[in-house]
Each structure stands twice: as C-alpha cells, then as structure tokens.
Amino acid sequence: MPSQTLSLAQTQRLQMMLAPQLRQSLEMLQVPILELRAMIQQEIEQNPTIEETPNEKESIEIEPGTGEVNEKEDREEMDFEKEFEALAKLDDEWRDYFFQDAQSTSYSSDDDEKRQFFLESLSQSQSLQEHLMEQFHLAGLEESDEQLGELIIGSIDHDGYLTSNLEELADSTGADLNRLADILSIVQDFHPTGVGSRDLRECLLTQLHRVNGTNPLTSDIISNHIDLLAAKKYTDISKALKVPVEEVQAAAKIIATLDPKPGRIYSDEETTYILPEIVVQKIDGRYVVILNDDQLPHVRISNHYRRLMNDAATKPEVKQYIQERIRAGAFLIKSIHQRQHTIQRIATEIVSAQQEFFEHGVSQLKPLTMAEIADKVGVHETTVSRAVSGKYMKSPGGVYELKYFFTPGIRRADGSEISNKTVKDIIAQFVSNEDPAKPLSDQEIMEKLKEQGINIARRTIAKYRLMLRIPPSHLRKTY
C-alpha cells in the first residue's frame, strides 16, 4: 500500500470574483429602504467628500479651478480631470432627480416634523420578566422574598408558563418549598392573567375564574376534557358530562375567549417596520407608480473638496486621497440612482400587468413570473428577485409586498389562466359562506371549483386550505 504524504503545489485557474463596488451595488438593490438609509448614513460618516443636502431645491454651481495644473502631475491625475467633470455632472443630475421627485409629491415640512416626532417617539418594548418584576417590587415584600420572586419570574418562559418545578427550585436553592409556593401564588395574581401557570389547564382555569367567575361546566371541561375540546368533539363531551350539546358549545365559546399563551403580549421579538418604496395612484383612469424617496438621504459631492481638487496649492498626496474618496462617493450616488431606477421600472411593469387587480381586487390578480418582468425590463431574472426582496408597495387597496404579485397560474377549462392566490381567495369565500352545521369537505370544494372551470386536485385544495389556516371540515363543524 503506497504511503500518504503531504505536499504543496502551485496551480493557475480562472475564477470569477465580484468586485467590492459590484457587491455594494447588488447589496443596495436588495436591501429595503430603511436599511439603505442606514448604509448611506454610514457612508456619509466615513467619506468626507460626500454630504447630505436639505430637501428643498437649491442652486449649486461648480466653481472653476483657480490655478493651472502642475506639469509634474502624472497621467492618472490628468485623466481624473475628465473623470471629475463626468462625476460632477452625474452628481448634478442625481440632485435634479431628487428635486424633481420631491416636487411631484405632496410632502411638506409639517409632514417631515410629524414623521420625525413619530420616529423619536418609538420606544423599546418591555419584556415579560421586566413587567412582572415591576409588579413584584410594588408588592412590598421583604428582600429575601424578592430574591425568591426573581428566581420564579426568571423561570417563566415567553409564553408565560413556569418551566421549572417548585421542588427542583427548592432543592437547587435551599429555599423553603412552602414559601416558594406562596411567592408563586403572588406572581400568578399579576398581569397578564394566567402568567406563572404550570400547564395549559391551570392557565385557562386561572383566567376563567378571574374573568368569568365560577362556572362548573366550563371548569369541568377544561379540567377533564380539554383534549376532546381541542378536537371539537362536543357530542362526546356532552355524553360524558350528561349535558345538552348546546351547553357544551356555549362553554366552548367562553373558553375560546381565553388566552393559552398570556406572555406573548410581552414578546421580546424584534418588531419589523415596513416603509413602502412604491406608491400607486390612479391618474387619468390608470394606476401609475410613484417612487417614494422621502426617507432616502439626498447626497452630493462636497463643493469644498471640489475646490480642493482644482486648487494648485493642494498637495499631490491630498489630491490622491480626494480622488479615491470622490470616486467612491460618485459610485455610491450612481448605485443609488441605478437602484431607484431599476425598482421603478420593475414596479411600473408590475402595475401595468395588474391594472385589473388594483381596480377590482385579488379576484383579478393575473399570473405573473419574474422571468416575464425581467424580459420586459431588460435585466436578468436574479436582478428582479433582488429588486423585489423586502420591498413594499402602497396602493388604494392596501400595502403589498412586491413578491405578492408573482404567482404561478392555473389553467381554466377555457384555456385562460388564473392566479393561485385567486383560487385561495375563492376557497376562503366558500368556507366563509358555508353552513356551519355542514361544512364543505375538500372534495366538495373541488367540485365547486370545477363548476367555475377550475380543475385542481383535492390534495392541492388541502394544501391551499392549510396555507390559509383553515381547519378540516370535521373541526369546522358546529352543532
């Protein structure tokens, strides 16, 4: 058997690599407008040659150089003079683009003040544990009891349930078990009602007694028949408790008002804020796209560094640094302009294809693929995917994610196509209009769709029903 050895070898191969500037451009295209704003603000802080301008229109002129070019300047700097003129022109065009867009919208200084007040008023949400500890400090207990309270509250999960056994807490801390039980009873009296419960039954019973008072039948169902209740087997509960089915249904309605996860209202999950980048308005009978640049910083190349570049007294090493920074700033401006232009073109094609949707709703949503939009705009399909990722559109009918409009089609009997979102909407309407005593099965829904010329399999209907969070027919049935 030959022996194995380690060795080094040099090889040459071709490999495609994305340049840093191209990576930045693709990242700008993909991120939502709030993240883009943060990226631009960071670039402004790091690059002294770019600055943010106020929203109002202003007249800016590029001052000509005051000195002649030193003959010792190398060819790269001479070439940069031509490049600099192009960059300055690009900067002015970008500035005019912002001003024209600002004039086409109805935003005012009052709107800016209200928006800023709203952003400054946002506060960090309070966690469940912080909320409980605030109430515990107001209970006026001794310091030793507060330590036990912190122990119990720290063992409550984000749903509001006590995850540790009291015996385990007593053994691990050496605390008195009876005192721990007393502290737990105090915590269970806190808001939200049901917090500190050890299981679902205790949580629901606590809420039931606190809100609805004593109700023997409802308490019996929660204590002994909660599994049958979850399966909506009201008849079985009725037979077991020897009461009419109507009384069981009435009790089930009361239980449905209780919260099985009371701690979720203080969930510490990060809130996602949506800012639509596209506004759709109806003008002269057609829906058109307006790009929302209101939250995007208006940036330009600083006039101060322009003058330094044209000043003969500026040292060569300073000019070289300014050249690098201006190039980076100009590429930033160009990337922003290209991003906005690409998103606007894609959104325009989407709105053009979905005019009937904006007029009549989801029933008129047409099948649409990213490949179709990419072909019309003249870009690659992956560019469309990046451009619509995390972007939202505000229309008279509501706010939609751009990805919402891309949906496969289902062929009708007459050869036309219908969006699968439209089919889901039809299924939801069937269920909402069904007889509660005789809910529609998946087979019956399939037959009703076939009557409308929509032929899809029963398993597809079951999949759509699950996506719509609609229970099966036997769980929707009421007596």
Protein backbone atom coordinates (compact mmCIF):
# COMPACT_ATOMS: atom_id res chain seq x y z
CA MET A 1 0.00 0.00 0.00
CA PRO A 2 1.56 3.36 -1.03
CA SER A 3 2.35 5.75 1.79
CA GLN A 4 0.43 9.01 2.16
CA THR A 5 2.37 12.27 2.24
CA LEU A 6 1.59 15.99 2.41
CA SER A 7 2.90 18.31 -0.30
CA LEU A 8 2.44 21.85 -1.66
CA ALA A 9 1.74 22.61 -5.32
CA GLN A 10 1.06 25.82 -7.25
CA THR A 11 -1.71 25.83 -9.83
CA GLN A 12 -3.29 28.51 -12.03
CA ARG A 13 -7.01 28.74 -12.67
CA LEU A 14 -9.60 31.28 -13.77
CA GLN A 15 -12.26 32.23 -11.25
CA MET A 16 -14.94 34.89 -11.42
CA MET A 17 -14.90 37.25 -8.43
CA LEU A 18 -17.30 40.07 -7.63
CA ALA A 19 -15.56 43.40 -7.23
CA PRO A 20 -16.24 45.21 -3.93
CA GLN A 21 -18.09 48.00 -5.75
CA LEU A 22 -20.31 45.50 -7.56
CA ARG A 23 -21.06 43.79 -4.25
CA GLN A 24 -22.06 47.16 -2.82
CA SER A 25 -24.31 47.88 -5.79
CA LEU A 26 -26.06 44.49 -5.51
CA GLU A 27 -26.47 44.91 -1.77
CA MET A 28 -28.07 48.33 -2.28
CA LEU A 29 -30.51 46.84 -4.77
CA GLN A 30 -31.54 44.07 -2.38
CA VAL A 31 -31.89 45.86 0.97
CA PRO A 32 -35.14 47.65 1.95
CA ILE A 33 -35.19 51.43 2.04
CA LEU A 34 -34.70 51.72 5.83
CA GLU A 35 -31.55 49.59 5.68
CA LEU A 36 -30.39 51.53 2.63
CA ARG A 37 -30.80 54.76 4.56
CA ALA A 38 -28.56 53.38 7.30
CA MET A 39 -25.97 52.32 4.72
CA ILE A 40 -25.93 55.79 3.14
CA GLN A 41 -25.63 57.46 6.55
CA GLN A 42 -22.66 55.22 7.31
CA GLU A 43 -21.00 56.14 4.01
CA ILE A 44 -21.56 59.83 4.75
CA GLU A 45 -19.78 59.41 8.10
CA GLN A 46 -16.86 57.52 6.56
CA ASN A 47 -16.41 59.53 3.35
CA PRO A 48 -15.77 63.28 3.89
CA THR A 49 -16.26 64.14 0.21
CA ILE A 50 -19.99 63.34 0.23
CA GLU A 51 -22.60 65.23 2.19
CA GLU A 52 -26.34 65.23 2.73
CA THR A 53 -28.33 68.12 1.30
CA PRO A 54 -31.64 69.56 2.53
CA ASN A 55 -34.84 68.55 0.73
CA GLU A 56 -35.59 71.94 -0.71
CA LYS A 57 -34.21 72.82 -4.13
CA GLU A 58 -31.09 74.92 -4.23
CA SER A 59 -28.89 76.29 -6.96
CA ILE A 60 -25.36 74.91 -6.86
CA GLU A 61 -22.65 75.81 -9.31
CA ILE A 62 -19.28 74.16 -9.72
CA GLU A 63 -16.54 76.73 -9.34
CA PRO A 64 -13.82 76.55 -11.97
CA GLY A 65 -10.26 75.93 -10.89
CA THR A 66 -8.19 78.95 -9.91
CA GLY A 67 -4.77 77.61 -10.77
CA GLU A 68 -3.07 75.83 -13.63
CA VAL A 69 -2.32 72.15 -13.50
CA ASN A 70 1.18 71.37 -12.32
CA GLU A 71 3.26 69.77 -15.06
CA LYS A 72 4.56 67.20 -12.61
CA GLU A 73 1.09 65.70 -12.13
CA ASP A 74 1.08 62.22 -13.56
CA ARG A 75 -1.17 60.88 -16.29
CA GLU A 76 -3.60 59.34 -13.81
CA GLU A 77 -4.39 62.73 -12.34
CA MET A 78 -4.75 64.26 -15.81
CA ASP A 79 -7.21 61.53 -16.72
CA PHE A 80 -9.07 62.21 -13.50
CA GLU A 81 -9.82 65.79 -14.65
CA LYS A 82 -12.08 64.40 -17.37
CA GLU A 83 -13.46 61.83 -14.99
CA PHE A 84 -14.09 64.55 -12.41
CA GLU A 85 -16.18 66.54 -14.88
CA ALA A 86 -18.27 63.45 -15.57
CA LEU A 87 -18.67 62.82 -11.85
CA ALA A 88 -19.75 66.39 -11.21
CA LYS A 89 -22.31 66.12 -14.00
CA LEU A 90 -23.59 62.85 -12.57
CA ASP A 91 -23.85 64.46 -9.14
CA ASP A 92 -25.88 67.37 -10.50
CA GLU A 93 -28.18 65.04 -12.45
CA TRP A 94 -28.75 62.94 -9.35
CA ARG A 95 -29.53 66.06 -7.34
CA ASP A 96 -32.00 67.23 -10.01
CA TYR A 97 -33.58 63.77 -9.96
CA PHE A 98 -34.30 64.14 -6.26
CA PHE A 99 -35.64 67.68 -6.65
CA GLN A 100 -37.98 66.69 -9.48
CA ASP A 101 -39.28 63.74 -7.48
CA ALA A 102 -39.77 65.91 -4.40
CA GLN A 103 -41.79 68.39 -6.45
CA SER A 104 -44.04 65.61 -7.77
CA THR A 105 -45.06 64.54 -4.25
CA SER A 106 -47.17 66.33 -1.71
CA TYR A 107 -44.82 66.08 1.27
CA SER A 108 -44.49 69.23 3.33
CA SER A 109 -42.34 70.43 6.20
CA ASP A 110 -45.21 69.60 8.55
CA ASP A 111 -45.15 66.01 7.33
CA ASP A 112 -41.41 65.85 8.00
CA GLU A 113 -41.91 67.15 11.55
CA LYS A 114 -44.69 64.64 12.24
CA ARG A 115 -42.59 61.80 10.83
CA GLN A 116 -39.56 62.78 12.88
CA PHE A 117 -41.71 63.03 16.00
CA PHE A 118 -43.03 59.54 15.33
CA LEU A 119 -39.54 58.08 14.87
CA GLU A 120 -38.26 59.76 18.02
CA SER A 121 -41.28 58.51 19.97
CA LEU A 122 -40.52 54.86 19.28
CA SER A 123 -39.51 53.09 22.47
CA GLN A 124 -38.13 49.66 23.17
CA SER A 125 -40.80 47.16 24.15
CA GLN A 126 -40.85 45.87 27.73
CA SER A 127 -40.14 42.18 28.27
CA LEU A 128 -42.45 39.92 30.26
CA GLN A 129 -39.86 39.49 33.03
CA GLU A 130 -39.40 43.26 33.37
CA HIS A 131 -43.16 43.74 33.54
CA LEU A 132 -43.50 41.10 36.26
CA MET A 133 -40.58 42.44 38.29
CA GLU A 134 -42.10 45.93 38.29
CA GLN A 135 -45.27 44.49 39.81
CA PHE A 136 -43.29 42.38 42.26
CA HIS A 137 -41.37 45.41 43.58
CA LEU A 138 -44.71 47.10 44.27
CA ALA A 139 -45.90 44.15 46.36
CA GLY A 140 -43.91 45.40 49.38
CA LEU A 141 -42.27 42.08 50.25
CA GLU A 142 -39.05 41.51 52.17
CA GLU A 143 -35.69 41.36 50.44
CA SER A 144 -35.45 37.57 50.87
CA ASP A 145 -38.84 37.17 49.23
CA GLU A 146 -37.76 39.40 46.35
CA GLN A 147 -34.88 37.03 45.65
CA LEU A 148 -37.33 34.12 45.51
CA GLY A 149 -39.58 36.21 43.27
CA GLU A 150 -36.70 36.87 40.87
CA LEU A 151 -35.98 33.13 40.84
CA ILE A 152 -39.58 32.25 39.93
CA ILE A 153 -40.00 35.06 37.41
CA GLY A 154 -36.70 34.10 35.78
CA SER A 155 -38.09 30.58 35.31
CA ILE A 156 -41.15 31.81 33.37
CA ASP A 157 -40.86 31.42 29.59
CA HIS A 158 -42.00 33.88 26.92
CA ASP A 159 -45.43 32.16 26.75
CA GLY A 160 -45.99 32.91 30.45
CA TYR A 161 -45.53 29.39 31.83
CA LEU A 162 -43.36 28.32 34.77
CA THR A 163 -40.81 25.97 33.22
CA SER A 164 -39.19 24.71 36.44
CA ASN A 165 -40.72 22.52 39.11
CA LEU A 166 -41.04 24.16 42.54
CA GLU A 167 -39.43 21.12 44.17
CA GLU A 168 -36.42 21.45 41.84
CA LEU A 169 -36.12 25.17 42.62
CA ALA A 170 -36.29 24.43 46.36
CA ASP A 171 -33.61 21.72 46.13
CA SER A 172 -31.26 23.83 44.00
CA THR A 173 -31.51 26.95 46.16
CA GLY A 174 -32.25 25.56 49.60
CA ALA A 175 -35.37 27.73 49.81
CA ASP A 176 -38.46 26.68 51.72
CA LEU A 177 -40.91 24.89 49.39
CA ASN A 178 -44.00 26.31 51.07
CA ARG A 179 -42.65 29.86 50.80
CA LEU A 180 -41.88 29.31 47.12
CA ALA A 181 -45.47 28.20 46.61
CA ASP A 182 -46.69 31.36 48.37
CA ILE A 183 -44.49 33.56 46.16
CA LEU A 184 -45.76 31.75 43.05
CA SER A 185 -49.35 32.45 44.12
CA ILE A 186 -48.46 36.15 44.38
CA VAL A 187 -46.91 36.12 40.88
CA GLN A 188 -49.96 34.34 39.46
CA ASP A 189 -52.08 37.29 40.58
CA PHE A 190 -50.04 39.64 38.37
CA HIS A 191 -50.89 40.88 34.91
CA PRO A 192 -51.26 39.27 32.38
CA THR A 193 -53.85 36.92 33.83
CA GLY A 194 -52.70 33.30 33.75
CA VAL A 195 -48.98 34.07 33.97
CA GLY A 196 -46.92 31.68 36.10
CA SER A 197 -49.16 28.69 35.34
CA ARG A 198 -47.57 25.27 35.19
CA ASP A 199 -49.72 23.87 32.38
CA LEU A 200 -52.50 24.83 29.98
CA ARG A 201 -55.28 23.67 32.28
CA GLU A 202 -54.07 25.83 35.16
CA CYS A 203 -53.63 28.81 32.83
CA LEU A 204 -57.16 28.59 31.42
CA LEU A 205 -58.74 27.92 34.82
CA THR A 206 -56.99 30.95 36.33
CA GLN A 207 -58.30 33.18 33.54
CA LEU A 208 -61.76 31.64 33.73
CA HIS A 209 -62.12 32.24 37.47
CA ARG A 210 -60.62 35.73 37.26
CA VAL A 211 -62.71 36.94 34.32
CA ASN A 212 -65.87 34.82 34.21
CA GLY A 213 -66.19 33.77 37.83
CA THR A 214 -67.33 30.31 38.89
CA ASN A 215 -68.67 28.18 36.02
CA PRO A 216 -68.81 24.49 36.97
CA LEU A 217 -69.44 23.13 33.47
CA THR A 218 -66.71 25.18 31.81
CA SER A 219 -64.25 24.34 34.59
CA ASP A 220 -65.08 20.63 34.28
CA ILE A 221 -64.47 20.71 30.52
CA ILE A 222 -61.07 22.42 30.96
CA SER A 223 -60.02 20.11 33.79
CA ASN A 224 -61.10 16.76 32.39
CA HIS A 225 -61.98 17.02 28.68
CA ILE A 226 -59.59 19.54 27.17
CA ASP A 227 -58.34 17.04 24.55
CA LEU A 228 -61.89 16.39 23.32
CA LEU A 229 -62.48 20.14 23.29
CA ALA A 230 -59.41 20.72 21.10
CA ALA A 231 -60.81 18.18 18.61
CA LYS A 232 -64.25 19.85 18.81
CA LYS A 233 -65.86 16.58 19.82
CA TYR A 234 -68.76 18.29 21.54
CA THR A 235 -71.00 15.24 21.33
CA ASP A 236 -68.50 13.09 23.26
CA ILE A 237 -68.18 15.77 25.94
CA SER A 238 -71.97 16.03 26.12
CA LYS A 239 -72.31 12.28 26.69
CA ALA A 240 -69.52 12.19 29.26
CA LEU A 241 -70.95 15.09 31.29
CA LYS A 242 -74.60 14.20 30.57
CA VAL A 243 -75.49 17.74 29.48
CA PRO A 244 -77.02 19.07 26.24
CA VAL A 245 -74.67 19.72 23.32
CA GLU A 246 -75.82 23.33 23.23
CA GLU A 247 -74.45 23.90 26.73
CA VAL A 248 -71.10 22.38 25.73
CA GLN A 249 -70.95 24.69 22.69
CA ALA A 250 -71.73 27.70 24.89
CA ALA A 251 -68.93 26.70 27.26
CA ALA A 252 -66.56 26.23 24.29
CA LYS A 253 -67.26 29.79 23.16
CA ILE A 254 -66.31 31.07 26.62
CA ILE A 255 -63.07 29.05 26.60
CA ALA A 256 -62.24 30.38 23.12
CA THR A 257 -62.03 33.89 24.60
CA LEU A 258 -59.19 32.81 26.96
CA ASP A 259 -55.53 33.24 26.04
CA PRO A 260 -53.50 30.00 26.09
CA LYS A 261 -50.23 31.97 25.89
CA PRO A 262 -50.68 35.09 28.05
CA GLY A 263 -46.99 36.03 28.00
CA ARG A 264 -46.91 36.55 24.24
CA ILE A 265 -48.25 40.10 24.55
CA TYR A 266 -44.85 40.99 26.04
CA SER A 267 -42.84 39.07 23.48
CA ASP A 268 -39.32 40.43 23.09
CA GLU A 269 -39.22 39.60 19.39
CA GLU A 270 -37.94 42.48 17.29
CA THR A 271 -40.65 44.49 15.59
CA THR A 272 -40.29 44.83 11.84
CA TYR A 273 -41.24 48.23 10.43
CA ILE A 274 -42.44 48.45 6.84
CA LEU A 275 -41.92 51.52 4.71
CA PRO A 276 -43.40 51.26 1.20
CA GLU A 277 -40.93 52.26 -1.50
CA ILE A 278 -43.59 52.39 -4.20
CA VAL A 279 -46.81 54.40 -4.13
CA VAL A 280 -49.54 53.52 -6.64
CA GLN A 281 -52.06 56.21 -7.54
CA LYS A 282 -54.86 56.34 -10.08
CA ILE A 283 -54.25 59.14 -12.58
CA ASP A 284 -56.43 59.68 -15.66
CA GLY A 285 -58.07 56.28 -15.30
CA ARG A 286 -54.86 54.25 -14.94
CA TYR A 287 -52.75 53.22 -11.96
CA VAL A 288 -49.24 54.63 -12.09
CA VAL A 289 -46.10 54.24 -10.00
CA ILE A 290 -44.56 56.98 -7.86
CA LEU A 291 -41.20 56.28 -6.25
CA ASN A 292 -41.08 57.15 -2.55
CA ASP A 293 -37.69 58.82 -1.99
CA ASP A 294 -38.87 60.71 1.07
CA GLN A 295 -36.85 58.63 3.54
CA LEU A 296 -33.72 58.47 1.38
CA PRO A 297 -30.90 60.94 2.16
CA HIS A 298 -30.13 63.38 -0.67
CA VAL A 299 -26.36 63.18 -1.13
CA ARG A 300 -23.86 65.05 -3.31
CA ILE A 301 -20.15 65.58 -3.77
CA SER A 302 -18.97 68.30 -1.38
CA ASN A 303 -18.16 71.65 -3.06
CA HIS A 304 -15.31 72.12 -0.61
CA TYR A 305 -13.45 69.07 -1.90
CA ARG A 306 -14.24 70.05 -5.47
CA ARG A 307 -12.41 73.32 -4.90
CA LEU A 308 -9.51 71.49 -3.28
CA MET A 309 -9.15 69.31 -6.37
CA ASN A 310 -8.91 72.42 -8.58
CA ASP A 311 -6.59 74.26 -6.23
CA ALA A 312 -2.95 74.23 -7.42
CA ALA A 313 -1.78 74.62 -3.82
CA THR A 314 -3.26 71.28 -2.78
CA LYS A 315 -0.54 68.70 -2.13
CA PRO A 316 -0.37 65.71 -4.51
CA GLU A 317 -0.96 63.16 -1.73
CA VAL A 318 -4.05 65.11 -0.60
CA LYS A 319 -5.34 65.18 -4.19
CA GLN A 320 -4.80 61.44 -4.48
CA TYR A 321 -6.80 60.84 -1.31
CA ILE A 322 -9.59 63.14 -2.53
CA GLN A 323 -9.64 61.33 -5.88
CA GLU A 324 -10.20 57.99 -4.18
CA ARG A 325 -12.92 59.36 -1.91
CA ILE A 326 -14.70 61.19 -4.74
CA ARG A 327 -14.66 58.07 -6.88
CA ALA A 328 -16.21 56.10 -4.00
CA GLY A 329 -18.79 58.83 -3.41
CA ALA A 330 -19.67 59.06 -7.08
CA PHE A 331 -20.11 55.30 -7.27
CA LEU A 332 -22.42 55.49 -4.25
CA ILE A 333 -24.53 58.15 -5.97
CA LYS A 334 -24.58 56.15 -9.18
CA SER A 335 -25.58 52.95 -7.33
CA ILE A 336 -28.44 54.72 -5.57
CA HIS A 337 -29.68 56.18 -8.84
CA GLN A 338 -29.44 52.81 -10.58
CA ARG A 339 -31.23 51.07 -7.70
CA GLN A 340 -34.13 53.54 -7.71
CA HIS A 341 -34.38 53.46 -11.49
CA THR A 342 -34.42 49.64 -11.56
CA ILE A 343 -37.07 49.35 -8.82
CA GLN A 344 -39.24 51.97 -10.53
CA ARG A 345 -39.06 50.19 -13.90
CA ILE A 346 -39.89 46.81 -12.35
CA ALA A 347 -42.75 48.25 -10.29
CA THR A 348 -44.10 50.03 -13.37
CA GLU A 349 -44.24 46.75 -15.30
CA ILE A 350 -45.93 45.00 -12.36
CA VAL A 351 -48.58 47.70 -12.07
CA SER A 352 -49.09 47.73 -15.83
CA ALA A 353 -49.72 43.98 -15.80
CA GLN A 354 -52.01 44.09 -12.75
CA GLN A 355 -54.30 47.04 -13.57
CA GLU A 356 -57.41 44.89 -13.03
CA PHE A 357 -56.14 43.78 -9.63
CA PHE A 358 -55.81 47.34 -8.36
CA GLU A 359 -59.28 48.11 -9.69
CA HIS A 360 -61.22 45.00 -8.58
CA GLY A 361 -59.10 43.14 -6.02
CA VAL A 362 -57.50 39.72 -5.68
CA SER A 363 -60.11 38.04 -7.88
CA GLN A 364 -58.48 39.76 -10.86
CA LEU A 365 -54.84 39.02 -9.93
CA LYS A 366 -53.10 37.72 -13.05
CA PRO A 367 -50.42 35.03 -13.07
CA LEU A 368 -47.00 36.66 -13.33
CA THR A 369 -43.42 35.42 -13.20
CA MET A 370 -40.15 37.20 -12.57
CA ALA A 371 -38.87 35.96 -15.92
CA GLU A 372 -41.65 37.89 -17.70
CA ILE A 373 -40.83 41.14 -15.88
CA ALA A 374 -37.09 40.60 -16.41
CA ASP A 375 -37.68 40.21 -20.15
CA LYS A 376 -39.73 43.43 -20.33
CA VAL A 377 -37.27 45.48 -18.25
CA GLY A 378 -34.22 44.02 -19.97
CA VAL A 379 -32.45 42.66 -16.88
CA HIS A 380 -31.65 39.22 -15.52
CA GLU A 381 -34.26 37.34 -13.52
CA THR A 382 -31.99 37.38 -10.45
CA THR A 383 -31.94 41.19 -10.63
CA VAL A 384 -35.73 41.24 -10.41
CA SER A 385 -35.55 38.85 -7.46
CA ARG A 386 -33.13 41.16 -5.63
CA ALA A 387 -35.11 44.27 -6.51
CA VAL A 388 -38.43 42.97 -5.11
CA SER A 389 -36.94 41.36 -2.00
CA GLY A 390 -38.29 43.09 1.12
CA LYS A 391 -39.84 45.94 -0.91
CA TYR A 392 -43.44 47.05 -0.38
CA MET A 393 -46.00 48.88 -2.49
CA LYS A 394 -48.72 51.14 -1.13
CA SER A 395 -51.91 51.21 -3.18
CA PRO A 396 -55.52 52.36 -2.63
CA GLY A 397 -56.35 48.75 -1.78
CA GLY A 398 -53.62 48.31 0.85
CA VAL A 399 -49.90 47.64 1.26
CA TYR A 400 -48.45 44.65 -0.60
CA GLU A 401 -45.01 43.12 -0.81
CA LEU A 402 -43.75 43.21 -4.38
CA LYS A 403 -43.29 39.43 -4.27
CA TYR A 404 -47.05 39.14 -3.74
CA PHE A 405 -47.67 39.88 -7.41
CA PHE A 406 -45.53 36.99 -8.65
CA THR A 407 -47.69 33.91 -8.63
CA PRO A 408 -47.97 30.83 -10.87
CA GLY A 409 -51.05 30.35 -12.98
CA ILE A 410 -53.67 27.62 -13.04
CA ARG A 411 -55.25 26.90 -16.41
CA ARG A 412 -59.04 27.07 -16.64
CA ALA A 413 -61.18 24.81 -18.77
CA ASP A 414 -61.50 27.57 -21.40
CA GLY A 415 -57.70 27.86 -21.73
CA SER A 416 -57.30 31.09 -19.74
CA GLU A 417 -55.10 31.25 -16.64
CA ILE A 418 -55.99 32.24 -13.10
CA SER A 419 -53.62 33.07 -10.24
CA ASN A 420 -53.28 30.56 -7.41
CA LYS A 421 -53.85 33.45 -4.97
CA THR A 422 -57.21 34.00 -6.66
CA VAL A 423 -58.01 30.31 -6.16
CA LYS A 424 -57.11 30.61 -2.48
CA ASP A 425 -59.39 33.63 -2.19
CA ILE A 426 -62.25 31.65 -3.79
CA ILE A 427 -61.68 28.76 -1.35
CA ALA A 428 -61.73 31.19 1.59
CA GLN A 429 -65.03 32.63 0.32
CA PHE A 430 -66.53 29.14 0.02
CA VAL A 431 -65.61 28.38 3.63
CA SER A 432 -66.85 31.72 4.96
CA ASN A 433 -70.25 31.20 3.28
CA GLU A 434 -70.68 27.50 4.18
CA ASP A 435 -73.28 26.11 6.54
CA PRO A 436 -71.57 25.70 9.96
CA ALA A 437 -73.57 22.54 10.57
CA LYS A 438 -72.48 21.07 7.19
CA PRO A 439 -69.00 22.43 6.37
CA LEU A 440 -67.59 21.77 2.93
CA SER A 441 -65.14 18.91 2.55
CA ASP A 442 -62.11 19.21 0.28
CA GLN A 443 -63.89 17.02 -2.26
CA GLU A 444 -66.93 19.32 -2.27
CA ILE A 445 -64.70 22.39 -2.66
CA MET A 446 -63.00 20.69 -5.61
CA GLU A 447 -66.37 20.08 -7.26
CA LYS A 448 -67.50 23.69 -6.71
CA LEU A 449 -64.25 24.94 -8.28
CA LYS A 450 -64.78 22.59 -11.23
CA GLU A 451 -68.16 24.25 -11.79
CA GLN A 452 -66.27 27.52 -12.29
CA GLY A 453 -63.91 25.89 -14.78
CA ILE A 454 -61.02 25.50 -12.31
CA ASN A 455 -59.67 21.95 -12.30
CA ILE A 456 -57.27 21.25 -9.45
CA ALA A 457 -56.61 18.14 -7.39
CA ARG A 458 -58.10 17.56 -3.95
CA ARG A 459 -54.63 17.37 -2.37
CA THR A 460 -53.90 20.81 -3.82
CA ILE A 461 -57.04 22.16 -2.19
CA ALA A 462 -55.93 20.63 1.11
CA LYS A 463 -52.54 22.34 0.72
CA TYR A 464 -54.15 25.72 -0.01
CA ARG A 465 -56.53 25.25 2.93
CA LEU A 466 -53.58 24.66 5.27
CA MET A 467 -51.82 27.73 3.87
CA LEU A 468 -54.99 29.72 4.66
CA ARG A 469 -55.02 28.20 8.18
CA ILE A 470 -58.47 26.74 7.62
CA PRO A 471 -59.13 23.59 9.71
CA PRO A 472 -60.53 20.46 8.04
CA SER A 473 -64.30 20.12 7.77
CA HIS A 474 -64.79 17.96 10.88
CA LEU A 475 -63.10 20.66 13.03
CA ARG A 476 -65.17 23.44 11.46
CA LYS A 477 -68.44 21.68 12.18
CA THR A 478 -70.75 23.16 14.80
CA TYR A 479 -73.93 21.56 16.08
